[in-house]
Structure formats: C-alpha cells, structure tokens
All heavy atoms as atom14 arrays in JSON, in Angstrom:
{
  "sequence": "ELNWSFLRSTRHPFAPQTCLPHGAVGSANNLTLDCFTAKLSGLQVA",
  "atom14_mask": [
    [1, 1, 1, 1, 1, 1, 1, 1, 1, 0, 0, 0, 0, 0],
    [1, 1, 1, 1, 1, 1, 1, 1, 0, 0, 0, 0, 0, 0],
    [1, 1, 1, 1, 1, 1, 1, 1, 0, 0, 0, 0, 0, 0],
    [1, 1, 1, 1, 1, 1, 1, 1, 1, 1, 1, 1, 1, 1],
    [1, 1, 1, 1, 1, 1, 0, 0, 0, 0, 0, 0, 0, 0],
    [1, 1, 1, 1, 1, 1, 1, 1, 1, 1, 1, 0, 0, 0],
    [1, 1, 1, 1, 1, 1, 1, 1, 0, 0, 0, 0, 0, 0],
    [1, 1, 1, 1, 1, 1, 1, 1, 1, 1, 1, 0, 0, 0],
    [1, 1, 1, 1, 1, 1, 0, 0, 0, 0, 0, 0, 0, 0],
    [1, 1, 1, 1, 1, 1, 1, 0, 0, 0, 0, 0, 0, 0],
    [1, 1, 1, 1, 1, 1, 1, 1, 1, 1, 1, 0, 0, 0],
    [1, 1, 1, 1, 1, 1, 1, 1, 1, 1, 0, 0, 0, 0],
    [1, 1, 1, 1, 1, 1, 1, 0, 0, 0, 0, 0, 0, 0],
    [1, 1, 1, 1, 1, 1, 1, 1, 1, 1, 1, 0, 0, 0],
    [1, 1, 1, 1, 1, 0, 0, 0, 0, 0, 0, 0, 0, 0],
    [1, 1, 1, 1, 1, 1, 1, 0, 0, 0, 0, 0, 0, 0],
    [1, 1, 1, 1, 1, 1, 1, 1, 1, 0, 0, 0, 0, 0],
    [1, 1, 1, 1, 1, 1, 1, 0, 0, 0, 0, 0, 0, 0],
    [1, 1, 1, 1, 1, 1, 0, 0, 0, 0, 0, 0, 0, 0],
    [1, 1, 1, 1, 1, 1, 1, 1, 0, 0, 0, 0, 0, 0],
    [1, 1, 1, 1, 1, 1, 1, 0, 0, 0, 0, 0, 0, 0],
    [1, 1, 1, 1, 1, 1, 1, 1, 1, 1, 0, 0, 0, 0],
    [1, 1, 1, 1, 0, 0, 0, 0, 0, 0, 0, 0, 0, 0],
    [1, 1, 1, 1, 1, 0, 0, 0, 0, 0, 0, 0, 0, 0],
    [1, 1, 1, 1, 1, 1, 1, 0, 0, 0, 0, 0, 0, 0],
    [1, 1, 1, 1, 0, 0, 0, 0, 0, 0, 0, 0, 0, 0],
    [1, 1, 1, 1, 1, 1, 0, 0, 0, 0, 0, 0, 0, 0],
    [1, 1, 1, 1, 1, 0, 0, 0, 0, 0, 0, 0, 0, 0],
    [1, 1, 1, 1, 1, 1, 1, 1, 0, 0, 0, 0, 0, 0],
    [1, 1, 1, 1, 1, 1, 1, 1, 0, 0, 0, 0, 0, 0],
    [1, 1, 1, 1, 1, 1, 1, 1, 0, 0, 0, 0, 0, 0],
    [1, 1, 1, 1, 1, 1, 1, 0, 0, 0, 0, 0, 0, 0],
    [1, 1, 1, 1, 1, 1, 1, 1, 0, 0, 0, 0, 0, 0],
    [1, 1, 1, 1, 1, 1, 1, 1, 0, 0, 0, 0, 0, 0],
    [1, 1, 1, 1, 1, 1, 0, 0, 0, 0, 0, 0, 0, 0],
    [1, 1, 1, 1, 1, 1, 1, 1, 1, 1, 1, 0, 0, 0],
    [1, 1, 1, 1, 1, 1, 1, 0, 0, 0, 0, 0, 0, 0],
    [1, 1, 1, 1, 1, 0, 0, 0, 0, 0, 0, 0, 0, 0],
    [1, 1, 1, 1, 1, 1, 1, 1, 1, 0, 0, 0, 0, 0],
    [1, 1, 1, 1, 1, 1, 1, 1, 0, 0, 0, 0, 0, 0],
    [1, 1, 1, 1, 1, 1, 0, 0, 0, 0, 0, 0, 0, 0],
    [1, 1, 1, 1, 0, 0, 0, 0, 0, 0, 0, 0, 0, 0],
    [1, 1, 1, 1, 1, 1, 1, 1, 0, 0, 0, 0, 0, 0],
    [1, 1, 1, 1, 1, 1, 1, 1, 1, 0, 0, 0, 0, 0],
    [1, 1, 1, 1, 1, 1, 1, 0, 0, 0, 0, 0, 0, 0],
    [1, 1, 1, 1, 1, 0, 0, 0, 0, 0, 0, 0, 0, 0]
  ],
  "atom14_positions": [
    [[-22.57, 9.27, 181.37], [-23.66, 8.99, 182.3], [-24.98, 9.32, 181.61], [-25.51, 10.43, 181.71], [-23.49, 9.81, 183.58], [-22.23, 9.46, 184.38], [-22.11, 10.28, 185.64], [-23.01, 11.14, 185.86], [-21.16, 10.08, 186.39], [0.0, 0.0, 0.0], [0.0, 0.0, 0.0], [0.0, 0.0, 0.0], [0.0, 0.0, 0.0], [0.0, 0.0, 0.0]],
    [[-25.52, 8.32, 180.91], [-26.74, 8.5, 180.13], [-27.81, 7.53, 180.6], [-27.52, 6.46, 181.14], [-26.47, 8.27, 178.64], [-25.41, 9.17, 177.98], [-25.21, 8.76, 176.53], [-25.82, 10.64, 178.06], [0.0, 0.0, 0.0], [0.0, 0.0, 0.0], [0.0, 0.0, 0.0], [0.0, 0.0, 0.0], [0.0, 0.0, 0.0], [0.0, 0.0, 0.0]],
    [[-29.04, 7.92, 180.39], [-30.2, 7.05, 180.62], [-30.91, 6.88, 179.28], [-31.08, 7.83, 178.53], [-31.15, 7.67, 181.65], [-30.52, 7.76, 183.03], [-29.81, 6.85, 183.46], [-30.75, 8.86, 183.72], [0.0, 0.0, 0.0], [0.0, 0.0, 0.0], [0.0, 0.0, 0.0], [0.0, 0.0, 0.0], [0.0, 0.0, 0.0], [0.0, 0.0, 0.0]],
    [[-31.34, 5.65, 179.0], [-31.95, 5.34, 177.73], [-33.39, 4.87, 177.92], [-33.77, 4.38, 178.99], [-31.18, 4.24, 177.0], [-29.83, 4.64, 176.51], [-29.5, 5.18, 175.3], [-28.59, 4.53, 177.22], [-28.16, 5.41, 175.21], [-27.57, 5.02, 176.38], [-28.24, 4.06, 178.5], [-26.23, 5.06, 176.76], [-26.92, 4.1, 178.87], [-25.92, 4.6, 178.01]],
    [[-34.16, 5.04, 176.87], [-35.52, 4.5, 176.81], [-35.81, 4.11, 175.38], [-35.16, 4.6, 174.44], [-36.54, 5.53, 177.3], [-36.62, 6.64, 176.42], [0.0, 0.0, 0.0], [0.0, 0.0, 0.0], [0.0, 0.0, 0.0], [0.0, 0.0, 0.0], [0.0, 0.0, 0.0], [0.0, 0.0, 0.0], [0.0, 0.0, 0.0], [0.0, 0.0, 0.0]],
    [[-36.78, 3.23, 175.19], [-37.14, 2.82, 173.84], [-37.74, 4.0, 173.09], [-38.42, 4.85, 173.67], [-38.11, 1.64, 173.88], [-37.48, 0.36, 174.35], [-37.65, -0.08, 175.65], [-36.69, -0.39, 173.49], [-37.07, -1.25, 176.09], [-36.09, -1.56, 173.93], [-36.27, -1.99, 175.22], [0.0, 0.0, 0.0], [0.0, 0.0, 0.0], [0.0, 0.0, 0.0]],
    [[-37.49, 4.04, 171.8], [-37.83, 5.21, 171.0], [-39.31, 5.53, 171.05], [-39.7, 6.68, 171.22], [-37.37, 5.01, 169.55], [-37.62, 6.17, 168.6], [-36.88, 7.41, 169.05], [-37.21, 5.79, 167.18], [0.0, 0.0, 0.0], [0.0, 0.0, 0.0], [0.0, 0.0, 0.0], [0.0, 0.0, 0.0], [0.0, 0.0, 0.0], [0.0, 0.0, 0.0]],
    [[-40.16, 4.53, 170.89], [-41.6, 4.77, 170.81], [-42.32, 4.55, 172.14], [-43.53, 4.4, 172.18], [-42.21, 3.86, 169.74], [-41.74, 4.2, 168.33], [-42.38, 3.29, 167.29], [-41.99, 3.68, 165.95], [-40.89, 3.27, 165.34], [-40.05, 2.46, 165.96], [-40.6, 3.67, 164.1], [0.0, 0.0, 0.0], [0.0, 0.0, 0.0], [0.0, 0.0, 0.0]],
    [[-41.57, 4.54, 173.23], [-42.19, 4.38, 174.54], [-42.66, 5.72, 175.08], [-42.21, 6.79, 174.63], [-41.19, 3.74, 175.52], [-40.06, 4.58, 175.69], [0.0, 0.0, 0.0], [0.0, 0.0, 0.0], [0.0, 0.0, 0.0], [0.0, 0.0, 0.0], [0.0, 0.0, 0.0], [0.0, 0.0, 0.0], [0.0, 0.0, 0.0], [0.0, 0.0, 0.0]],
    [[-43.54, 5.68, 176.05], [-44.05, 6.9, 176.68], [-43.02, 7.42, 177.69], [-42.59, 6.69, 178.58], [-45.37, 6.64, 177.39], [-46.31, 6.11, 176.43], [-45.94, 7.91, 177.98], [0.0, 0.0, 0.0], [0.0, 0.0, 0.0], [0.0, 0.0, 0.0], [0.0, 0.0, 0.0], [0.0, 0.0, 0.0], [0.0, 0.0, 0.0], [0.0, 0.0, 0.0]],
    [[-42.63, 8.66, 177.55], [-41.65, 9.25, 178.45], [-41.96, 10.73, 178.62], [-42.61, 11.35, 177.78], [-40.22, 9.07, 177.9], [-40.03, 9.62, 176.5], [-38.65, 9.26, 175.95], [-38.45, 9.77, 174.61], [-38.82, 9.14, 173.5], [-39.45, 7.96, 173.61], [-38.6, 9.66, 172.32], [0.0, 0.0, 0.0], [0.0, 0.0, 0.0], [0.0, 0.0, 0.0]],
    [[-41.48, 11.28, 179.71], [-41.73, 12.68, 180.01], [-40.88, 13.55, 179.09], [-39.69, 13.28, 178.89], [-41.41, 12.97, 181.48], [-41.73, 14.38, 181.88], [-43.02, 14.83, 182.05], [-40.91, 15.44, 182.14], [-43.01, 16.1, 182.4], [-41.73, 16.5, 182.46], [0.0, 0.0, 0.0], [0.0, 0.0, 0.0], [0.0, 0.0, 0.0], [0.0, 0.0, 0.0]],
    [[-41.44, 14.6, 178.5], [-40.65, 15.48, 177.63], [-39.48, 16.1, 178.38], [-39.6, 16.51, 179.53], [-41.66, 16.55, 177.19], [-42.99, 15.9, 177.34], [-42.87, 14.98, 178.52], [0.0, 0.0, 0.0], [0.0, 0.0, 0.0], [0.0, 0.0, 0.0], [0.0, 0.0, 0.0], [0.0, 0.0, 0.0], [0.0, 0.0, 0.0], [0.0, 0.0, 0.0]],
    [[-38.33, 16.18, 177.72], [-37.12, 16.73, 178.33], [-36.45, 17.66, 177.33], [-36.7, 17.59, 176.12], [-36.16, 15.6, 178.74], [-35.6, 14.82, 177.57], [-34.36, 15.13, 177.04], [-36.33, 13.79, 176.99], [-33.85, 14.43, 175.97], [-35.82, 13.07, 175.92], [-34.58, 13.39, 175.4], [0.0, 0.0, 0.0], [0.0, 0.0, 0.0], [0.0, 0.0, 0.0]],
    [[-35.6, 18.52, 177.85], [-34.87, 19.46, 177.01], [-33.52, 18.84, 176.63], [-32.64, 18.7, 177.47], [-34.65, 20.78, 177.74], [0.0, 0.0, 0.0], [0.0, 0.0, 0.0], [0.0, 0.0, 0.0], [0.0, 0.0, 0.0], [0.0, 0.0, 0.0], [0.0, 0.0, 0.0], [0.0, 0.0, 0.0], [0.0, 0.0, 0.0], [0.0, 0.0, 0.0]],
    [[-33.34, 18.45, 175.37], [-32.06, 17.83, 174.98], [-30.93, 18.84, 174.96], [-31.1, 19.98, 174.53], [-32.36, 17.29, 173.57], [-33.44, 18.19, 173.05], [-34.28, 18.57, 174.24], [0.0, 0.0, 0.0], [0.0, 0.0, 0.0], [0.0, 0.0, 0.0], [0.0, 0.0, 0.0], [0.0, 0.0, 0.0], [0.0, 0.0, 0.0], [0.0, 0.0, 0.0]],
    [[-29.79, 18.42, 175.45], [-28.62, 19.29, 175.43], [-28.04, 19.36, 174.02], [-28.0, 18.37, 173.3], [-27.56, 18.77, 176.41], [-27.99, 18.81, 177.86], [-26.87, 18.42, 178.8], [-25.69, 18.42, 178.42], [-27.21, 18.11, 180.04], [0.0, 0.0, 0.0], [0.0, 0.0, 0.0], [0.0, 0.0, 0.0], [0.0, 0.0, 0.0], [0.0, 0.0, 0.0]],
    [[-27.58, 20.53, 173.66], [-27.02, 20.73, 172.32], [-25.51, 20.83, 172.32], [-24.89, 20.63, 171.28], [-27.6, 22.01, 171.69], [-27.33, 23.12, 172.56], [-29.11, 21.89, 171.52], [0.0, 0.0, 0.0], [0.0, 0.0, 0.0], [0.0, 0.0, 0.0], [0.0, 0.0, 0.0], [0.0, 0.0, 0.0], [0.0, 0.0, 0.0], [0.0, 0.0, 0.0]],
    [[-24.91, 21.15, 173.44], [-23.47, 21.35, 173.49], [-22.8, 20.11, 174.08], [-23.24, 19.59, 175.11], [-23.1, 22.57, 174.33], [-23.75, 24.12, 173.66], [0.0, 0.0, 0.0], [0.0, 0.0, 0.0], [0.0, 0.0, 0.0], [0.0, 0.0, 0.0], [0.0, 0.0, 0.0], [0.0, 0.0, 0.0], [0.0, 0.0, 0.0], [0.0, 0.0, 0.0]],
    [[-21.75, 19.65, 173.43], [-20.99, 18.51, 173.9], [-19.62, 18.97, 174.35], [-19.09, 19.98, 173.85], [-20.84, 17.46, 172.8], [-22.12, 16.72, 172.4], [-21.81, 15.81, 171.21], [-22.67, 15.91, 173.54], [0.0, 0.0, 0.0], [0.0, 0.0, 0.0], [0.0, 0.0, 0.0], [0.0, 0.0, 0.0], [0.0, 0.0, 0.0], [0.0, 0.0, 0.0]],
    [[-18.99, 18.25, 175.28], [-17.61, 18.59, 175.66], [-16.68, 18.52, 174.46], [-16.9, 17.73, 173.53], [-17.27, 17.53, 176.71], [-18.59, 17.05, 177.22], [-19.55, 17.16, 176.07], [0.0, 0.0, 0.0], [0.0, 0.0, 0.0], [0.0, 0.0, 0.0], [0.0, 0.0, 0.0], [0.0, 0.0, 0.0], [0.0, 0.0, 0.0], [0.0, 0.0, 0.0]],
    [[-15.65, 19.36, 174.47], [-14.72, 19.4, 173.35], [-14.03, 18.06, 173.14], [-13.77, 17.64, 172.01], [-13.67, 20.49, 173.57], [-12.68, 20.61, 172.46], [-13.0, 21.13, 171.22], [-11.36, 20.23, 172.4], [-11.93, 21.1, 170.44], [-10.93, 20.57, 171.12], [0.0, 0.0, 0.0], [0.0, 0.0, 0.0], [0.0, 0.0, 0.0], [0.0, 0.0, 0.0]],
    [[-13.75, 17.36, 174.23], [-13.1, 16.05, 174.1], [-13.98, 15.03, 173.42], [-13.51, 14.18, 172.68], [0.0, 0.0, 0.0], [0.0, 0.0, 0.0], [0.0, 0.0, 0.0], [0.0, 0.0, 0.0], [0.0, 0.0, 0.0], [0.0, 0.0, 0.0], [0.0, 0.0, 0.0], [0.0, 0.0, 0.0], [0.0, 0.0, 0.0], [0.0, 0.0, 0.0]],
    [[-15.3, 15.12, 173.65], [-16.21, 14.17, 173.0], [-16.27, 14.39, 171.51], [-16.33, 13.46, 170.71], [-17.61, 14.28, 173.61], [0.0, 0.0, 0.0], [0.0, 0.0, 0.0], [0.0, 0.0, 0.0], [0.0, 0.0, 0.0], [0.0, 0.0, 0.0], [0.0, 0.0, 0.0], [0.0, 0.0, 0.0], [0.0, 0.0, 0.0], [0.0, 0.0, 0.0]],
    [[-16.23, 15.66, 171.1], [-16.27, 15.97, 169.67], [-14.96, 15.55, 169.0], [-14.95, 15.01, 167.89], [-16.53, 17.47, 169.44], [-16.5, 17.81, 167.96], [-17.86, 17.87, 170.06], [0.0, 0.0, 0.0], [0.0, 0.0, 0.0], [0.0, 0.0, 0.0], [0.0, 0.0, 0.0], [0.0, 0.0, 0.0], [0.0, 0.0, 0.0], [0.0, 0.0, 0.0]],
    [[-13.84, 15.77, 169.67], [-12.55, 15.43, 169.07], [-12.33, 13.94, 168.97], [-11.59, 13.48, 168.09], [0.0, 0.0, 0.0], [0.0, 0.0, 0.0], [0.0, 0.0, 0.0], [0.0, 0.0, 0.0], [0.0, 0.0, 0.0], [0.0, 0.0, 0.0], [0.0, 0.0, 0.0], [0.0, 0.0, 0.0], [0.0, 0.0, 0.0], [0.0, 0.0, 0.0]],
    [[-12.95, 13.13, 169.84], [-12.75, 11.69, 169.82], [-13.59, 11.0, 168.76], [-13.39, 9.82, 168.49], [-13.08, 11.1, 171.2], [-14.45, 11.33, 171.52], [0.0, 0.0, 0.0], [0.0, 0.0, 0.0], [0.0, 0.0, 0.0], [0.0, 0.0, 0.0], [0.0, 0.0, 0.0], [0.0, 0.0, 0.0], [0.0, 0.0, 0.0], [0.0, 0.0, 0.0]],
    [[-14.56, 11.69, 168.18], [-15.41, 11.09, 167.15], [-14.78, 11.32, 165.78], [-14.9, 12.4, 165.2], [-16.82, 11.69, 167.21], [0.0, 0.0, 0.0], [0.0, 0.0, 0.0], [0.0, 0.0, 0.0], [0.0, 0.0, 0.0], [0.0, 0.0, 0.0], [0.0, 0.0, 0.0], [0.0, 0.0, 0.0], [0.0, 0.0, 0.0], [0.0, 0.0, 0.0]],
    [[-14.08, 10.31, 165.29], [-13.37, 10.46, 164.03], [-14.28, 10.23, 162.83], [-14.18, 10.91, 161.81], [-12.18, 9.49, 163.98], [-11.15, 9.8, 165.05], [-10.9, 10.97, 165.34], [-10.57, 8.78, 165.64], [0.0, 0.0, 0.0], [0.0, 0.0, 0.0], [0.0, 0.0, 0.0], [0.0, 0.0, 0.0], [0.0, 0.0, 0.0], [0.0, 0.0, 0.0]],
    [[-15.15, 9.24, 162.92], [-16.0, 8.87, 161.8], [-17.45, 9.21, 162.14], [-18.14, 8.43, 162.78], [-15.85, 7.38, 161.49], [-14.43, 7.01, 161.1], [-13.79, 7.73, 160.36], [-13.95, 5.89, 161.6], [0.0, 0.0, 0.0], [0.0, 0.0, 0.0], [0.0, 0.0, 0.0], [0.0, 0.0, 0.0], [0.0, 0.0, 0.0], [0.0, 0.0, 0.0]],
    [[-17.87, 10.36, 161.7], [-19.24, 10.8, 161.95], [-20.12, 10.5, 160.75], [-19.67, 10.57, 159.6], [-19.28, 12.3, 162.25], [-18.6, 12.78, 163.53], [-18.74, 14.31, 163.65], [-19.19, 12.11, 164.75], [0.0, 0.0, 0.0], [0.0, 0.0, 0.0], [0.0, 0.0, 0.0], [0.0, 0.0, 0.0], [0.0, 0.0, 0.0], [0.0, 0.0, 0.0]],
    [[-21.37, 10.16, 161.01], [-22.37, 10.0, 159.97], [-23.12, 11.32, 159.85], [-23.76, 11.76, 160.8], [-23.34, 8.86, 160.3], [-22.59, 7.64, 160.46], [-24.36, 8.68, 159.19], [0.0, 0.0, 0.0], [0.0, 0.0, 0.0], [0.0, 0.0, 0.0], [0.0, 0.0, 0.0], [0.0, 0.0, 0.0], [0.0, 0.0, 0.0], [0.0, 0.0, 0.0]],
    [[-23.06, 11.95, 158.68], [-23.62, 13.27, 158.49], [-24.64, 13.26, 157.36], [-24.61, 12.41, 156.48], [-22.51, 14.29, 158.17], [-21.38, 14.41, 159.2], [-20.3, 15.34, 158.68], [-21.92, 14.91, 160.54], [0.0, 0.0, 0.0], [0.0, 0.0, 0.0], [0.0, 0.0, 0.0], [0.0, 0.0, 0.0], [0.0, 0.0, 0.0], [0.0, 0.0, 0.0]],
    [[-25.55, 14.22, 157.4], [-26.56, 14.42, 156.37], [-26.39, 15.81, 155.77], [-25.99, 16.76, 156.47], [-27.98, 14.29, 156.93], [-28.36, 12.84, 157.18], [-27.79, 11.96, 156.53], [-29.23, 12.6, 158.05], [0.0, 0.0, 0.0], [0.0, 0.0, 0.0], [0.0, 0.0, 0.0], [0.0, 0.0, 0.0], [0.0, 0.0, 0.0], [0.0, 0.0, 0.0]],
    [[-26.71, 15.94, 154.51], [-26.64, 17.23, 153.83], [-27.76, 18.13, 154.36], [-28.93, 17.74, 154.38], [-26.78, 17.05, 152.33], [-26.91, 18.58, 151.38], [0.0, 0.0, 0.0], [0.0, 0.0, 0.0], [0.0, 0.0, 0.0], [0.0, 0.0, 0.0], [0.0, 0.0, 0.0], [0.0, 0.0, 0.0], [0.0, 0.0, 0.0], [0.0, 0.0, 0.0]],
    [[-27.4, 19.33, 154.81], [-28.38, 20.25, 155.38], [-29.44, 20.64, 154.34], [-30.64, 20.63, 154.63], [-27.68, 21.5, 155.91], [-28.62, 22.61, 156.31], [-29.29, 22.56, 157.52], [-28.84, 23.69, 155.47], [-30.16, 23.57, 157.9], [-29.71, 24.71, 155.84], [-30.37, 24.65, 157.05], [0.0, 0.0, 0.0], [0.0, 0.0, 0.0], [0.0, 0.0, 0.0]],
    [[-29.01, 20.97, 153.13], [-29.95, 21.41, 152.1], [-30.93, 20.31, 151.73], [-32.14, 20.55, 151.62], [-29.18, 21.86, 150.85], [-28.22, 22.86, 151.21], [-30.12, 22.43, 149.8], [0.0, 0.0, 0.0], [0.0, 0.0, 0.0], [0.0, 0.0, 0.0], [0.0, 0.0, 0.0], [0.0, 0.0, 0.0], [0.0, 0.0, 0.0], [0.0, 0.0, 0.0]],
    [[-30.43, 19.08, 151.55], [-31.31, 17.97, 151.2], [-32.26, 17.64, 152.34], [-33.45, 17.36, 152.11], [-30.47, 16.75, 150.83], [0.0, 0.0, 0.0], [0.0, 0.0, 0.0], [0.0, 0.0, 0.0], [0.0, 0.0, 0.0], [0.0, 0.0, 0.0], [0.0, 0.0, 0.0], [0.0, 0.0, 0.0], [0.0, 0.0, 0.0], [0.0, 0.0, 0.0]],
    [[-31.76, 17.66, 153.57], [-32.63, 17.36, 154.73], [-33.71, 18.41, 154.91], [-34.88, 18.08, 155.15], [-31.77, 17.25, 155.99], [-32.55, 16.92, 157.25], [-33.06, 15.5, 157.23], [-31.92, 14.51, 157.34], [-32.4, 13.12, 157.42], [0.0, 0.0, 0.0], [0.0, 0.0, 0.0], [0.0, 0.0, 0.0], [0.0, 0.0, 0.0], [0.0, 0.0, 0.0]],
    [[-33.34, 19.68, 154.79], [-34.32, 20.75, 154.92], [-35.36, 20.68, 153.82], [-36.56, 20.86, 154.07], [-33.6, 22.1, 154.88], [-34.49, 23.35, 154.99], [-35.25, 23.35, 156.31], [-33.65, 24.61, 154.84], [0.0, 0.0, 0.0], [0.0, 0.0, 0.0], [0.0, 0.0, 0.0], [0.0, 0.0, 0.0], [0.0, 0.0, 0.0], [0.0, 0.0, 0.0]],
    [[-34.94, 20.4, 152.6], [-35.88, 20.27, 151.5], [-36.85, 19.12, 151.72], [-38.05, 19.23, 151.44], [-35.12, 20.09, 150.18], [-36.01, 19.88, 149.11], [0.0, 0.0, 0.0], [0.0, 0.0, 0.0], [0.0, 0.0, 0.0], [0.0, 0.0, 0.0], [0.0, 0.0, 0.0], [0.0, 0.0, 0.0], [0.0, 0.0, 0.0], [0.0, 0.0, 0.0]],
    [[-36.35, 18.0, 152.24], [-37.21, 16.86, 152.51], [-38.26, 17.16, 153.56], [-39.42, 16.77, 153.43], [0.0, 0.0, 0.0], [0.0, 0.0, 0.0], [0.0, 0.0, 0.0], [0.0, 0.0, 0.0], [0.0, 0.0, 0.0], [0.0, 0.0, 0.0], [0.0, 0.0, 0.0], [0.0, 0.0, 0.0], [0.0, 0.0, 0.0], [0.0, 0.0, 0.0]],
    [[-37.86, 17.86, 154.62], [-38.82, 18.23, 155.67], [-39.87, 19.21, 155.13], [-41.06, 19.11, 155.46], [-38.09, 18.83, 156.86], [-37.24, 17.87, 157.69], [-36.5, 18.63, 158.78], [-38.11, 16.77, 158.32], [0.0, 0.0, 0.0], [0.0, 0.0, 0.0], [0.0, 0.0, 0.0], [0.0, 0.0, 0.0], [0.0, 0.0, 0.0], [0.0, 0.0, 0.0]],
    [[-39.45, 20.16, 154.32], [-40.39, 21.11, 153.75], [-41.4, 20.42, 152.84], [-42.6, 20.72, 152.88], [-39.63, 22.2, 152.99], [-38.86, 23.15, 153.88], [-38.03, 24.15, 153.1], [-37.74, 23.94, 151.91], [-37.62, 25.23, 153.74], [0.0, 0.0, 0.0], [0.0, 0.0, 0.0], [0.0, 0.0, 0.0], [0.0, 0.0, 0.0], [0.0, 0.0, 0.0]],
    [[-40.93, 19.49, 152.02], [-41.85, 18.75, 151.14], [-42.83, 17.93, 151.96], [-44.02, 17.84, 151.64], [-41.04, 17.86, 150.18], [-41.96, 16.91, 149.42], [-40.25, 18.71, 149.21], [0.0, 0.0, 0.0], [0.0, 0.0, 0.0], [0.0, 0.0, 0.0], [0.0, 0.0, 0.0], [0.0, 0.0, 0.0], [0.0, 0.0, 0.0], [0.0, 0.0, 0.0]],
    [[-42.35, 17.32, 153.05], [-43.23, 16.51, 153.89], [-44.31, 17.36, 154.54], [-45.49, 16.97, 154.58], [-42.4, 15.79, 154.97], [0.0, 0.0, 0.0], [0.0, 0.0, 0.0], [0.0, 0.0, 0.0], [0.0, 0.0, 0.0], [0.0, 0.0, 0.0], [0.0, 0.0, 0.0], [0.0, 0.0, 0.0], [0.0, 0.0, 0.0], [0.0, 0.0, 0.0]]
  ]
}
C-alpha cells in the first residue's frame, strides 16, 4: 500500500520508514547494491 509522486515534484516532507517486514526482505532475491566505501567517498568529494 504505497503512494507515489514524481521525483522532482513539490511534495510535503515526510519521514521515510527504514524497517521493512522480514518477508519483504526475504522475497527480494536480486538486489542492486552499491559499495558503502565508494559511495561515502563520492559524497565527501562532492
């Protein structure tokens, strides 16, 4: 049960949830992941 909006549209700030149900995590077999060290280094350089 999700509501969507366009990425660059004006919307009221909301608190994103960080915890997902265990079943949702287990059903995701092929995740797209980023290296934490490389991502952190890129943000610091920016």
